[in-house]
Amino acid sequence: TLFIDSQGNLNITGLSGGRYSLAIDKPGYFPQTFSDIVVGGAEASNFPLELGDLNITAQRTVAGTVRWDDGEPVTNAIVHTMS
């Protein structure tokens, strides 16, 4: 069972011991996957596991028109963004 409490804490119960991956996906944000989360012991169904803050990044949109010096639009321009 998975739920997020009023403080934003992620709670998962009923897991058996082993390795897990956690995928977070929300519209408007880049998906994020956290791999190799180790849950200890075969009977480890309800215990605290501190993962720290899990941050996801909002998607952004760049829009506009590329123009030549004379103001005419450039056709088939290739635009790259860098962070």
PDB file of N, CA and C in Angstrom:
ATOM      1  N   THR A   1       0.850  -1.176   0.000  1.00  0.00           N
ATOM      2  CA  THR A   1       0.000   0.000   0.000  1.00  0.00           C
ATOM      3  C   THR A   1       0.892   1.235   0.000  1.00  0.00           C
ATOM      4  N   LEU A   2       0.552   2.217  -0.826  1.00  0.00           N
ATOM      5  CA  LEU A   2       1.340   3.442  -0.934  1.00  0.00           C
ATOM      6  C   LEU A   2       0.428   4.633  -0.672  1.00  0.00           C
ATOM      7  N   PHE A   3       0.870   5.557   0.178  1.00  0.00           N
ATOM      8  CA  PHE A   3       0.143   6.811   0.368  1.00  0.00           C
ATOM      9  C   PHE A   3       1.118   7.909   0.754  1.00  0.00           C
ATOM     10  N   ILE A   4       0.697   9.144   0.513  1.00  0.00           N
ATOM     11  CA  ILE A   4       1.490  10.321   0.867  1.00  0.00           C
ATOM     12  C   ILE A   4       0.702  11.089   1.916  1.00  0.00           C
ATOM     13  N   ASP A   5       1.323  11.347   3.068  1.00  0.00           N
ATOM     14  CA  ASP A   5       0.612  12.020   4.153  1.00  0.00           C
ATOM     15  C   ASP A   5       0.577  13.530   3.936  1.00  0.00           C
ATOM     16  N   SER A   6      -0.044  14.246   4.874  1.00  0.00           N
ATOM     17  CA  SER A   6      -0.233  15.693   4.735  1.00  0.00           C
ATOM     18  C   SER A   6       1.076  16.471   4.755  1.00  0.00           C
ATOM     19  N   GLN A   7       2.167  15.850   5.222  1.00  0.00           N
ATOM     20  CA  GLN A   7       3.479  16.491   5.236  1.00  0.00           C
ATOM     21  C   GLN A   7       4.290  16.170   3.983  1.00  0.00           C
ATOM     22  N   GLY A   8       3.705  15.391   3.065  1.00  0.00           N
ATOM     23  CA  GLY A   8       4.417  15.017   1.848  1.00  0.00           C
ATOM     24  C   GLY A   8       5.291  13.790   2.003  1.00  0.00           C
ATOM     25  N   ASN A   9       5.167  13.092   3.135  1.00  0.00           N
ATOM     26  CA  ASN A   9       5.957  11.883   3.363  1.00  0.00           C
ATOM     27  C   ASN A   9       5.348  10.708   2.620  1.00  0.00           C
ATOM     28  N   LEU A  10       6.176  10.006   1.880  1.00  0.00           N
ATOM     29  CA  LEU A  10       5.755   8.823   1.142  1.00  0.00           C
ATOM     30  C   LEU A  10       5.792   7.627   2.079  1.00  0.00           C
ATOM     31  N   ASN A  11       4.709   6.888   2.146  1.00  0.00           N
ATOM     32  CA  ASN A  11       4.618   5.712   3.011  1.00  0.00           C
ATOM     33  C   ASN A  11       4.216   4.506   2.176  1.00  0.00           C
ATOM     34  N   ILE A  12       5.007   3.450   2.257  1.00  0.00           N
ATOM     35  CA  ILE A  12       4.718   2.201   1.558  1.00  0.00           C
ATOM     36  C   ILE A  12       4.740   1.095   2.602  1.00  0.00           C
ATOM     37  N   THR A  13       3.696   0.289   2.647  1.00  0.00           N
ATOM     38  CA  THR A  13       3.645  -0.818   3.595  1.00  0.00           C
ATOM     39  C   THR A  13       3.417  -2.124   2.847  1.00  0.00           C
ATOM     40  N   GLY A  14       3.736  -3.231   3.505  1.00  0.00           N
ATOM     41  CA  GLY A  14       3.471  -4.547   2.944  1.00  0.00           C
ATOM     42  C   GLY A  14       4.524  -5.057   1.982  1.00  0.00           C
ATOM     43  N   LEU A  15       5.733  -4.513   2.030  1.00  0.00           N
ATOM     44  CA  LEU A  15       6.802  -4.972   1.141  1.00  0.00           C
ATOM     45  C   LEU A  15       7.574  -6.118   1.769  1.00  0.00           C
ATOM     46  N   SER A  16       7.947  -7.077   0.959  1.00  0.00           N
ATOM     47  CA  SER A  16       8.873  -8.123   1.388  1.00  0.00           C
ATOM     48  C   SER A  16      10.288  -7.602   1.213  1.00  0.00           C
ATOM     49  N   GLY A  17      11.241  -8.230   1.897  1.00  0.00           N
ATOM     50  CA  GLY A  17      12.633  -7.831   1.751  1.00  0.00           C
ATOM     51  C   GLY A  17      13.112  -8.024   0.322  1.00  0.00           C
ATOM     52  N   GLY A  18      14.000  -7.154  -0.116  1.00  0.00           N
ATOM     53  CA  GLY A  18      14.562  -7.249  -1.463  1.00  0.00           C
ATOM     54  C   GLY A  18      14.972  -5.895  -1.997  1.00  0.00           C
ATOM     55  N   ARG A  19      15.277  -5.848  -3.289  1.00  0.00           N
ATOM     56  CA  ARG A  19      15.661  -4.603  -3.967  1.00  0.00           C
ATOM     57  C   ARG A  19      14.467  -4.089  -4.765  1.00  0.00           C
ATOM     58  N   TYR A  20      14.275  -2.781  -4.705  1.00  0.00           N
ATOM     59  CA  TYR A  20      13.152  -2.162  -5.390  1.00  0.00           C
ATOM     60  C   TYR A  20      13.622  -0.936  -6.160  1.00  0.00           C
ATOM     61  N   SER A  21      12.802  -0.545  -7.120  1.00  0.00           N
ATOM     62  CA  SER A  21      12.948   0.735  -7.811  1.00  0.00           C
ATOM     63  C   SER A  21      11.671   1.517  -7.564  1.00  0.00           C
ATOM     64  N   LEU A  22      11.806   2.824  -7.431  1.00  0.00           N
ATOM     65  CA  LEU A  22      10.663   3.700  -7.219  1.00  0.00           C
ATOM     66  C   LEU A  22      10.616   4.679  -8.382  1.00  0.00           C
ATOM     67  N   ALA A  23       9.506   4.700  -9.108  1.00  0.00           N
ATOM     68  CA  ALA A  23       9.333   5.624 -10.234  1.00  0.00           C
ATOM     69  C   ALA A  23       8.297   6.668  -9.847  1.00  0.00           C
ATOM     70  N   ILE A  24       8.640   7.931 -10.053  1.00  0.00           N
ATOM     71  CA  ILE A  24       7.735   9.039  -9.763  1.00  0.00           C
ATOM     72  C   ILE A  24       7.423   9.725 -11.084  1.00  0.00           C
ATOM     73  N   ASP A  25       6.136   9.885 -11.356  1.00  0.00           N
ATOM     74  CA  ASP A  25       5.706  10.490 -12.618  1.00  0.00           C
ATOM     75  C   ASP A  25       4.492  11.364 -12.332  1.00  0.00           C
ATOM     76  N   LYS A  26       4.585  12.638 -12.693  1.00  0.00           N
ATOM     77  CA  LYS A  26       3.482  13.568 -12.506  1.00  0.00           C
ATOM     78  C   LYS A  26       3.394  14.437 -13.749  1.00  0.00           C
ATOM     79  N   PRO A  27       2.183  14.663 -14.280  1.00  0.00           N
ATOM     80  CA  PRO A  27       2.064  15.522 -15.461  1.00  0.00           C
ATOM     81  C   PRO A  27       2.723  16.882 -15.218  1.00  0.00           C
ATOM     82  N   GLY A  28       3.498  17.332 -16.198  1.00  0.00           N
ATOM     83  CA  GLY A  28       4.185  18.610 -16.090  1.00  0.00           C
ATOM     84  C   GLY A  28       5.563  18.524 -15.477  1.00  0.00           C
ATOM     85  N   TYR A  29       5.983  17.322 -15.094  1.00  0.00           N
ATOM     86  CA  TYR A  29       7.302  17.110 -14.496  1.00  0.00           C
ATOM     87  C   TYR A  29       8.027  16.001 -15.241  1.00  0.00           C
ATOM     88  N   PHE A  30       9.351  16.054 -15.222  1.00  0.00           N
ATOM     89  CA  PHE A  30      10.135  14.974 -15.803  1.00  0.00           C
ATOM     90  C   PHE A  30      10.033  13.764 -14.883  1.00  0.00           C
ATOM     91  N   PRO A  31       9.806  12.568 -15.446  1.00  0.00           N
ATOM     92  CA  PRO A  31       9.758  11.377 -14.592  1.00  0.00           C
ATOM     93  C   PRO A  31      11.117  11.109 -13.958  1.00  0.00           C
ATOM     94  N   GLN A  32      11.100  10.530 -12.788  1.00  0.00           N
ATOM     95  CA  GLN A  32      12.329  10.245 -12.053  1.00  0.00           C
ATOM     96  C   GLN A  32      12.249   8.822 -11.517  1.00  0.00           C
ATOM     97  N   THR A  33      13.337   8.069 -11.643  1.00  0.00           N
ATOM     98  CA  THR A  33      13.399   6.709 -11.118  1.00  0.00           C
ATOM     99  C   THR A  33      14.547   6.604 -10.122  1.00  0.00           C
ATOM    100  N   PHE A  34      14.260   6.020  -8.988  1.00  0.00           N
ATOM    101  CA  PHE A  34      15.254   5.773  -7.949  1.00  0.00           C
ATOM    102  C   PHE A  34      15.435   4.265  -7.873  1.00  0.00           C
ATOM    103  N   SER A  35      16.638   3.785  -8.151  1.00  0.00           N
ATOM    104  CA  SER A  35      16.899   2.351  -8.245  1.00  0.00           C
ATOM    105  C   SER A  35      17.666   1.843  -7.031  1.00  0.00           C
ATOM    106  N   ASP A  36      17.680   0.531  -6.909  1.00  0.00           N
ATOM    107  CA  ASP A  36      18.441  -0.164  -5.860  1.00  0.00           C
ATOM    108  C   ASP A  36      18.089   0.294  -4.450  1.00  0.00           C
ATOM    109  N   ILE A  37      16.802   0.423  -4.189  1.00  0.00           N
ATOM    110  CA  ILE A  37      16.340   0.688  -2.828  1.00  0.00           C
ATOM    111  C   ILE A  37      16.256  -0.665  -2.133  1.00  0.00           C
ATOM    112  N   VAL A  38      17.031  -0.832  -1.084  1.00  0.00           N
ATOM    113  CA  VAL A  38      17.108  -2.130  -0.410  1.00  0.00           C
ATOM    114  C   VAL A  38      16.195  -2.131   0.805  1.00  0.00           C
ATOM    115  N   VAL A  39      15.285  -3.087   0.818  1.00  0.00           N
ATOM    116  CA  VAL A  39      14.413  -3.316   1.962  1.00  0.00           C
ATOM    117  C   VAL A  39      14.927  -4.572   2.637  1.00  0.00           C
ATOM    118  N   GLY A  40      15.296  -4.476   3.907  1.00  0.00           N
ATOM    119  CA  GLY A  40      15.952  -5.587   4.593  1.00  0.00           C
ATOM    120  C   GLY A  40      15.013  -6.669   5.084  1.00  0.00           C
ATOM    121  N   GLY A  41      15.516  -7.886   5.121  1.00  0.00           N
ATOM    122  CA  GLY A  41      14.830  -9.019   5.739  1.00  0.00           C
ATOM    123  C   GLY A  41      13.579  -9.496   5.041  1.00  0.00           C
ATOM    124  N   ALA A  42      13.301 -10.771   5.161  1.00  0.00           N
ATOM    125  CA  ALA A  42      12.126 -11.362   4.522  1.00  0.00           C
ATOM    126  C   ALA A  42      10.825 -10.905   5.168  1.00  0.00           C
ATOM    127  N   GLU A  43      10.874 -10.497   6.424  1.00  0.00           N
ATOM    128  CA  GLU A  43       9.667 -10.093   7.144  1.00  0.00           C
ATOM    129  C   GLU A  43       9.593  -8.573   7.309  1.00  0.00           C
ATOM    130  N   ALA A  44      10.230  -7.839   6.442  1.00  0.00           N
ATOM    131  CA  ALA A  44      10.336  -6.378   6.586  1.00  0.00           C
ATOM    132  C   ALA A  44       9.155  -5.671   5.938  1.00  0.00           C
ATOM    133  N   SER A  45       7.954  -5.910   6.446  1.00  0.00           N
ATOM    134  CA  SER A  45       6.782  -5.331   5.802  1.00  0.00           C
ATOM    135  C   SER A  45       6.415  -3.950   6.325  1.00  0.00           C
ATOM    136  N   ASN A  46       6.796  -3.608   7.552  1.00  0.00           N
ATOM    137  CA  ASN A  46       6.441  -2.305   8.114  1.00  0.00           C
ATOM    138  C   ASN A  46       7.591  -1.762   8.952  1.00  0.00           C
ATOM    139  N   PHE A  47       8.463  -1.010   8.325  1.00  0.00           N
ATOM    140  CA  PHE A  47       9.565  -0.395   9.061  1.00  0.00           C
ATOM    141  C   PHE A  47       9.938   0.898   8.355  1.00  0.00           C
ATOM    142  N   PRO A  48      10.516   1.861   9.069  1.00  0.00           N
ATOM    143  CA  PRO A  48      10.887   3.126   8.426  1.00  0.00           C
ATOM    144  C   PRO A  48      12.125   2.960   7.548  1.00  0.00           C
ATOM    145  N   LEU A  49      12.071   3.528   6.378  1.00  0.00           N
ATOM    146  CA  LEU A  49      13.209   3.559   5.459  1.00  0.00           C
ATOM    147  C   LEU A  49      13.366   5.004   5.026  1.00  0.00           C
ATOM    148  N   GLU A  50      14.453   5.631   5.405  1.00  0.00           N
ATOM    149  CA  GLU A  50      14.666   7.047   5.109  1.00  0.00           C
ATOM    150  C   GLU A  50      15.350   7.193   3.767  1.00  0.00           C
ATOM    151  N   LEU A  51      14.634   7.731   2.786  1.00  0.00           N
ATOM    152  CA  LEU A  51      15.201   7.974   1.464  1.00  0.00           C
ATOM    153  C   LEU A  51      15.635   9.422   1.295  1.00  0.00           C
ATOM    154  N   GLY A  52      15.310  10.272   2.248  1.00  0.00           N
ATOM    155  CA  GLY A  52      15.619  11.690   2.104  1.00  0.00           C
ATOM    156  C   GLY A  52      14.614  12.357   1.184  1.00  0.00           C
ATOM    157  N   ASP A  53      14.912  13.565   0.762  1.00  0.00           N
ATOM    158  CA  ASP A  53      14.027  14.281  -0.146  1.00  0.00           C
ATOM    159  C   ASP A  53      14.162  13.708  -1.547  1.00  0.00           C
ATOM    160  N   LEU A  54      13.037  13.436  -2.181  1.00  0.00           N
ATOM    161  CA  LEU A  54      13.008  12.983  -3.568  1.00  0.00           C
ATOM    162  C   LEU A  54      12.494  14.149  -4.397  1.00  0.00           C
ATOM    163  N   ASN A  55      13.353  14.718  -5.196  1.00  0.00           N
ATOM    164  CA  ASN A  55      12.992  15.906  -5.959  1.00  0.00           C
ATOM    165  C   ASN A  55      12.752  15.566  -7.418  1.00  0.00           C
ATOM    166  N   ILE A  56      11.704  16.168  -7.979  1.00  0.00           N
ATOM    167  CA  ILE A  56      11.453  16.040  -9.408  1.00  0.00           C
ATOM    168  C   ILE A  56      11.450  17.444 -10.004  1.00  0.00           C
ATOM    169  N   THR A  57      11.810  17.541 -11.270  1.00  0.00           N
ATOM    170  CA  THR A  57      11.979  18.828 -11.936  1.00  0.00           C
ATOM    171  C   THR A  57      10.804  19.113 -12.862  1.00  0.00           C
ATOM    172  N   ALA A  58      10.272  20.321 -12.761  1.00  0.00           N
ATOM    173  CA  ALA A  58       9.166  20.718 -13.631  1.00  0.00           C
ATOM    174  C   ALA A  58       9.642  20.839 -15.072  1.00  0.00           C
ATOM    175  N   GLN A  59       8.781  20.397 -15.991  1.00  0.00           N
ATOM    176  CA  GLN A  59       9.087  20.570 -17.407  1.00  0.00           C
ATOM    177  C   GLN A  59       8.907  22.038 -17.764  1.00  0.00           C
ATOM    178  N   ARG A  60       9.639  22.464 -18.757  1.00  0.00           N
ATOM    179  CA  ARG A  60       9.551  23.850 -19.206  1.00  0.00           C
ATOM    180  C   ARG A  60       9.341  23.885 -20.707  1.00  0.00           C
ATOM    181  N   THR A  61       8.739  24.956 -21.170  1.00  0.00           N
ATOM    182  CA  THR A  61       8.495  25.131 -22.595  1.00  0.00           C
ATOM    183  C   THR A  61       9.172  26.410 -23.057  1.00  0.00           C
ATOM    184  N   VAL A  62       9.865  26.312 -24.159  1.00  0.00           N
ATOM    185  CA  VAL A  62      10.464  27.483 -24.792  1.00  0.00           C
ATOM    186  C   VAL A  62       9.717  27.693 -26.100  1.00  0.00           C
ATOM    187  N   ALA A  63       9.219  28.897 -26.316  1.00  0.00           N
ATOM    188  CA  ALA A  63       8.468  29.181 -27.537  1.00  0.00           C
ATOM    189  C   ALA A  63       8.922  30.514 -28.110  1.00  0.00           C
ATOM    190  N   GLY A  64       8.835  30.639 -29.400  1.00  0.00           N
ATOM    191  CA  GLY A  64       9.204  31.892 -30.048  1.00  0.00           C
ATOM    192  C   GLY A  64       9.465  31.677 -31.521  1.00  0.00           C
ATOM    193  N   THR A  65       9.927  32.699 -32.171  1.00  0.00           N
ATOM    194  CA  THR A  65      10.239  32.645 -33.594  1.00  0.00           C
ATOM    195  C   THR A  65      11.678  33.080 -33.799  1.00  0.00           C
ATOM    196  N   VAL A  66      12.445  32.260 -34.504  1.00  0.00           N
ATOM    197  CA  VAL A  66      13.817  32.623 -34.862  1.00  0.00           C
ATOM    198  C   VAL A  66      13.734  33.467 -36.127  1.00  0.00           C
ATOM    199  N   ARG A  67      14.369  34.628 -36.094  1.00  0.00           N
ATOM    200  CA  ARG A  67      14.298  35.556 -37.235  1.00  0.00           C
ATOM    201  C   ARG A  67      15.689  35.939 -37.717  1.00  0.00           C
ATOM    202  N   TRP A  68      15.770  36.200 -39.007  1.00  0.00           N
ATOM    203  CA  TRP A  68      16.984  36.741 -39.611  1.00  0.00           C
ATOM    204  C   TRP A  68      17.118  38.204 -39.210  1.00  0.00           C
ATOM    205  N   ASP A  69      18.260  38.809 -39.493  1.00  0.00           N
ATOM    206  CA  ASP A  69      18.491  40.223 -39.166  1.00  0.00           C
ATOM    207  C   ASP A  69      17.446  41.140 -39.780  1.00  0.00           C
ATOM    208  N   ASP A  70      16.905  40.751 -40.944  1.00  0.00           N
ATOM    209  CA  ASP A  70      15.906  41.597 -41.605  1.00  0.00           C
ATOM    210  C   ASP A  70      14.489  41.366 -41.076  1.00  0.00           C
ATOM    211  N   GLY A  71      14.345  40.504 -40.060  1.00  0.00           N
ATOM    212  CA  GLY A  71      13.038  40.270 -39.450  1.00  0.00           C
ATOM    213  C   GLY A  71      12.267  39.100 -40.026  1.00  0.00           C
ATOM    214  N   GLU A  72      12.755  38.528 -41.122  1.00  0.00           N
ATOM    215  CA  GLU A  72      12.068  37.384 -41.724  1.00  0.00           C
ATOM    216  C   GLU A  72      12.286  36.135 -40.873  1.00  0.00           C
ATOM    217  N   PRO A  73      11.239  35.291 -40.741  1.00  0.00           N
ATOM    218  CA  PRO A  73      11.410  34.070 -39.960  1.00  0.00           C
ATOM    219  C   PRO A  73      12.359  33.087 -40.639  1.00  0.00           C
ATOM    220  N   VAL A  74      13.141  32.390 -39.841  1.00  0.00           N
ATOM    221  CA  VAL A  74      14.049  31.359 -40.334  1.00  0.00           C
ATOM    222  C   VAL A  74      13.249  30.063 -40.429  1.00  0.00           C
ATOM    223  N   THR A  75      13.269  29.423 -41.591  1.00  0.00           N
ATOM    224  CA  THR A  75      12.573  28.146 -41.731  1.00  0.00           C
ATOM    225  C   THR A  75      13.510  27.003 -41.357  1.00  0.00           C
ATOM    226  N   ASN A  76      12.947  25.986 -40.745  1.00  0.00           N
ATOM    227  CA  ASN A  76      13.677  24.774 -40.366  1.00  0.00           C
ATOM    228  C   ASN A  76      14.883  25.049 -39.462  1.00  0.00           C
ATOM    229  N   ALA A  77      14.778  26.059 -38.614  1.00  0.00           N
ATOM    230  CA  ALA A  77      15.869  26.357 -37.682  1.00  0.00           C
ATOM    231  C   ALA A  77      15.962  25.253 -36.634  1.00  0.00           C
ATOM    232  N   ILE A  78      17.163  24.906 -36.257  1.00  0.00           N
ATOM    233  CA  ILE A  78      17.388  23.947 -35.180  1.00  0.00           C
ATOM    234  C   ILE A  78      17.842  24.735 -33.959  1.00  0.00           C
ATOM    235  N   VAL A  79      17.111  24.594 -32.871  1.00  0.00           N
ATOM    236  CA  VAL A  79      17.389  25.336 -31.649  1.00  0.00           C
ATOM    237  C   VAL A  79      17.723  24.332 -30.548  1.00  0.00           C
ATOM    238  N   HIS A  80      18.805  24.585 -29.830  1.00  0.00           N
ATOM    239  CA  HIS A  80      19.212  23.728 -28.717  1.00  0.00           C
ATOM    240  C   HIS A  80      19.110  24.525 -27.427  1.00  0.00           C
ATOM    241  N   THR A  81      18.665  23.881 -26.380  1.00  0.00           N
ATOM    242  CA  THR A  81      18.652  24.516 -25.059  1.00  0.00           C
ATOM    243  C   THR A  81      19.688  23.832 -24.180  1.00  0.00           C
ATOM    244  N   MET A  82      20.287  24.601 -23.301  1.00  0.00           N
ATOM    245  CA  MET A  82      21.282  24.058 -22.371  1.00  0.00           C
ATOM    246  C   MET A  82      20.985  24.601 -20.984  1.00  0.00           C
ATOM    247  N   SER A  83      21.314  23.824 -19.994  1.00  0.00           N
ATOM    248  CA  SER A  83      21.101  24.310 -18.626  1.00  0.00           C
ATOM    249  C   SER A  83      22.426  24.484 -17.937  1.00  0.00           C
TER     250      SER A  83
END
